[in-house]
Protein backbone atom coordinates (compact mmCIF):
# COMPACT_ATOMS: atom_id res chain seq x y z
CA MET A 1 8.51 61.40 182.29
CA VAL A 2 9.42 59.57 185.52
CA SER A 3 10.75 56.04 185.21
CA PRO A 4 9.17 53.09 187.08
CA PHE A 5 12.46 52.73 188.98
CA THR A 6 12.13 56.29 190.32
CA HIS A 7 8.54 55.55 191.41
CA ALA A 8 9.72 52.40 193.18
CA ILE A 9 12.46 54.29 195.03
CA GLY A 10 9.98 57.01 196.01
CA ALA A 11 7.53 54.43 197.32
CA LEU A 12 10.28 52.73 199.30
CA VAL A 13 11.29 56.03 200.92
CA VAL A 14 7.66 56.73 201.89
CA VAL A 15 7.22 53.25 203.39
CA LEU A 16 10.47 53.39 205.37
CA SER A 17 9.81 56.89 206.69
CA SER A 18 6.26 56.01 207.74
CA HIS A 19 7.54 53.17 209.94
CA PRO A 20 10.69 54.47 211.59
CA THR A 21 12.65 51.98 213.61
CA GLU A 22 14.91 53.00 216.42
CA ASP A 23 18.18 51.20 216.08
CA VAL A 24 19.92 52.94 218.99
CA ALA A 25 18.56 53.70 222.47
CA ARG A 26 19.77 57.27 223.13
CA GLU A 27 19.68 58.76 226.63
CA ARG A 28 21.25 61.44 228.81
CA VAL A 29 22.19 61.16 232.45
CA ASP A 30 23.79 63.68 234.79
CA LEU A 31 26.86 61.62 235.69
CA ILE A 32 28.59 58.48 234.43
CA GLU A 33 30.90 56.68 236.87
CA VAL A 34 33.40 54.01 235.94
CA ASN A 35 33.95 52.03 239.14
CA HIS A 36 36.72 49.48 239.71
CA PHE A 37 35.75 47.28 242.68
CA PHE A 38 38.57 45.52 244.55
CA ASP A 39 38.46 42.88 247.31
CA GLU A 40 40.27 43.08 250.68
CA GLN A 41 43.49 41.73 249.13
CA GLY A 42 43.47 44.44 246.46
CA ARG A 43 42.44 42.14 243.62
CA LEU A 44 40.10 43.49 240.99
CA VAL A 45 36.66 41.88 241.37
CA PHE A 46 34.83 43.71 238.57
CA ASP A 47 34.48 46.96 236.66
CA GLN A 48 31.11 48.61 236.28
CA VAL A 49 29.59 51.69 234.71
CA ILE A 50 27.05 53.46 236.92
CA PHE A 51 24.59 56.03 235.56
CA TYR A 52 23.33 58.77 237.87
CA ASP A 53 20.67 61.49 237.79
CA TRP A 54 20.86 64.55 240.05
CA SER A 55 18.13 64.71 242.70
CA GLY A 56 17.29 68.26 243.71
CA ASP A 57 15.11 66.92 246.55
CA HIS A 58 18.04 65.02 248.07
CA SER A 59 20.83 67.33 246.84
CA ARG A 60 22.82 64.36 245.56
CA TYR A 61 23.32 62.03 242.63
CA MET A 62 21.04 58.99 242.69
CA VAL A 63 21.80 55.78 240.79
CA ARG A 64 19.60 55.36 237.77
CA ASP A 65 21.08 52.14 236.40
CA TRP A 66 24.37 50.26 236.00
CA ARG A 67 26.08 47.70 233.80
CA LEU A 68 29.04 45.39 234.34
CA VAL A 69 31.88 46.15 231.96
CA LYS A 70 32.33 43.20 229.64
CA SER A 71 34.49 44.99 227.09
CA ALA A 72 36.64 48.12 227.07
CA SER A 73 34.44 49.41 224.25
CA GLN A 74 31.68 49.97 226.86
CA LEU A 75 33.72 52.58 228.71
CA PRO A 76 32.66 56.19 228.23
CA GLN A 77 34.77 58.28 225.89
CA ARG A 78 35.14 62.02 225.60
CA ASP A 79 32.59 63.33 223.09
CA TRP A 80 34.52 66.12 221.36
CA HIS A 81 31.66 66.85 218.97
CA SER A 82 29.00 67.82 221.51
CA GLY A 83 31.08 67.97 224.70
CA GLY A 84 30.77 65.74 227.71
CA TYR A 85 31.13 61.96 227.62
CA LEU A 86 29.50 59.16 225.69
CA ALA A 87 29.14 55.45 226.42
CA VAL A 88 28.07 53.32 223.44
CA TRP A 89 27.72 49.56 223.64
CA GLN A 90 25.64 46.56 222.61
CA ASP A 91 23.28 46.00 225.57
CA GLY A 92 21.67 42.63 224.89
CA GLU A 93 19.71 43.08 221.67
CA VAL A 94 19.86 46.88 221.83
CA MET A 95 22.63 49.24 220.80
CA ARG A 96 22.74 51.77 223.65
CA ARG A 97 24.17 55.31 223.63
CA VAL A 98 24.25 57.20 226.95
CA GLY A 99 25.64 60.71 227.16
CA SER A 100 26.55 62.90 230.12
CA GLU A 101 28.20 66.23 230.82
CA ALA A 102 30.23 64.67 233.66
CA MET A 103 32.22 61.49 234.20
CA ARG A 104 34.25 60.19 237.13
CA GLU A 105 36.40 57.13 237.68
CA THR A 106 36.65 55.49 241.10
CA TRP A 107 38.61 52.64 242.70
CA THR A 108 36.81 51.24 245.75
CA GLN A 109 36.68 48.27 248.11
CA TYR A 110 32.88 48.57 248.29
CA ASP A 111 30.23 48.52 245.60
CA PRO A 112 28.78 52.05 245.23
CA GLU A 113 25.68 50.72 243.47
CA LEU A 114 24.86 48.46 246.44
CA VAL A 115 25.41 51.32 248.91
CA GLU A 116 23.08 53.53 246.86
CA ARG A 117 20.26 51.02 247.40
CA GLU A 118 20.02 52.37 250.96
CA TYR A 119 19.02 55.76 249.52
CA LEU A 120 16.90 54.59 246.61
CA PRO A 121 15.85 50.93 246.40
CA LYS A 122 16.61 49.21 243.13
CA ASP A 123 12.93 48.71 242.23
CA GLU A 124 12.25 52.48 242.60
CA ARG A 125 15.01 53.59 240.25
CA ARG A 126 14.34 55.18 236.91
CA LYS A 127 16.13 52.65 234.72
CA LEU A 128 17.64 53.12 231.29
CA ARG A 129 14.68 52.77 229.00
CA ASN A 130 13.72 49.56 227.27
CA VAL A 131 13.59 49.62 223.52
CA LYS A 132 11.35 47.23 221.66
CA VAL A 133 13.37 45.20 219.21
CA GLU A 134 11.39 43.76 216.33
CA ARG A 135 12.60 40.49 214.92
CA ILE A 136 11.79 39.26 211.48
CA ALA A 137 10.30 35.81 211.73
CA GLN A 138 12.52 33.20 210.16
CA ARG A 139 11.07 30.30 208.27
CA SER A 140 11.33 27.07 210.21
CA GLU A 141 13.24 24.29 208.47
CA ARG A 142 10.72 21.66 209.54
CA PRO A 143 7.00 21.80 210.29
CA PRO A 144 5.92 22.41 213.88
CA GLU A 145 5.42 19.36 216.10
CA PRO A 146 1.76 18.42 216.65
CA ALA A 147 0.36 18.98 220.14
CA ALA A 148 0.12 15.91 222.41
CA GLU A 149 -3.68 15.91 222.19
CA SER A 150 -3.72 15.94 218.40
CA THR A 151 -1.13 13.12 218.34
CA ALA A 152 -3.42 10.97 220.50
CA GLN A 153 -6.38 11.80 218.26
CA SER A 154 -4.34 10.87 215.17
CA ALA A 155 -3.37 7.54 216.75
CA GLN A 156 -7.00 6.88 217.64
CA ALA A 157 -8.14 7.65 214.11
CA ALA A 158 -5.41 5.44 212.60
CA THR A 159 -6.05 2.42 214.83
CA GLY A 160 -9.77 2.83 215.32
CA HIS A 161 -9.61 2.74 219.16
CA ARG A 162 -9.19 5.26 221.93
CA ALA A 163 -5.72 5.92 223.27
CA ALA A 164 -5.25 4.77 226.89
CA GLU A 165 -6.02 7.58 229.30
């Protein structure tokens, strides 16, 4: 005989597996570049990670997307398990994981991502994909405020005359 607890666990597994949620946006690119951009005086302006895809039509890497480095944890690391490199970071509300077979690090006095816009405009790029994040609605601590129209109607009903328009 199967206990009610076992039935409950089985039902929970069925429910969770029928509605999978993606908690990590996983992608592959052809090249990850860590770029350190310096000004004319040699001062670091910013660090960025640039993601590229190879274009056979143009015989070159084309920028797919980029992110400013806000934390060293964003920097790609060697992925010894599957080979190549892996960048994992919290990207807004999404945990992002981008892998690549190749990685390079550059130090420049120009922004490679801006230069690449001459070859492929920003709005034509294939960006890192968006992942829908579902939020669980939280109960409000106080009731919603009435709309302005309903407030005027309430005042009219309470006083017996029309609100000034």
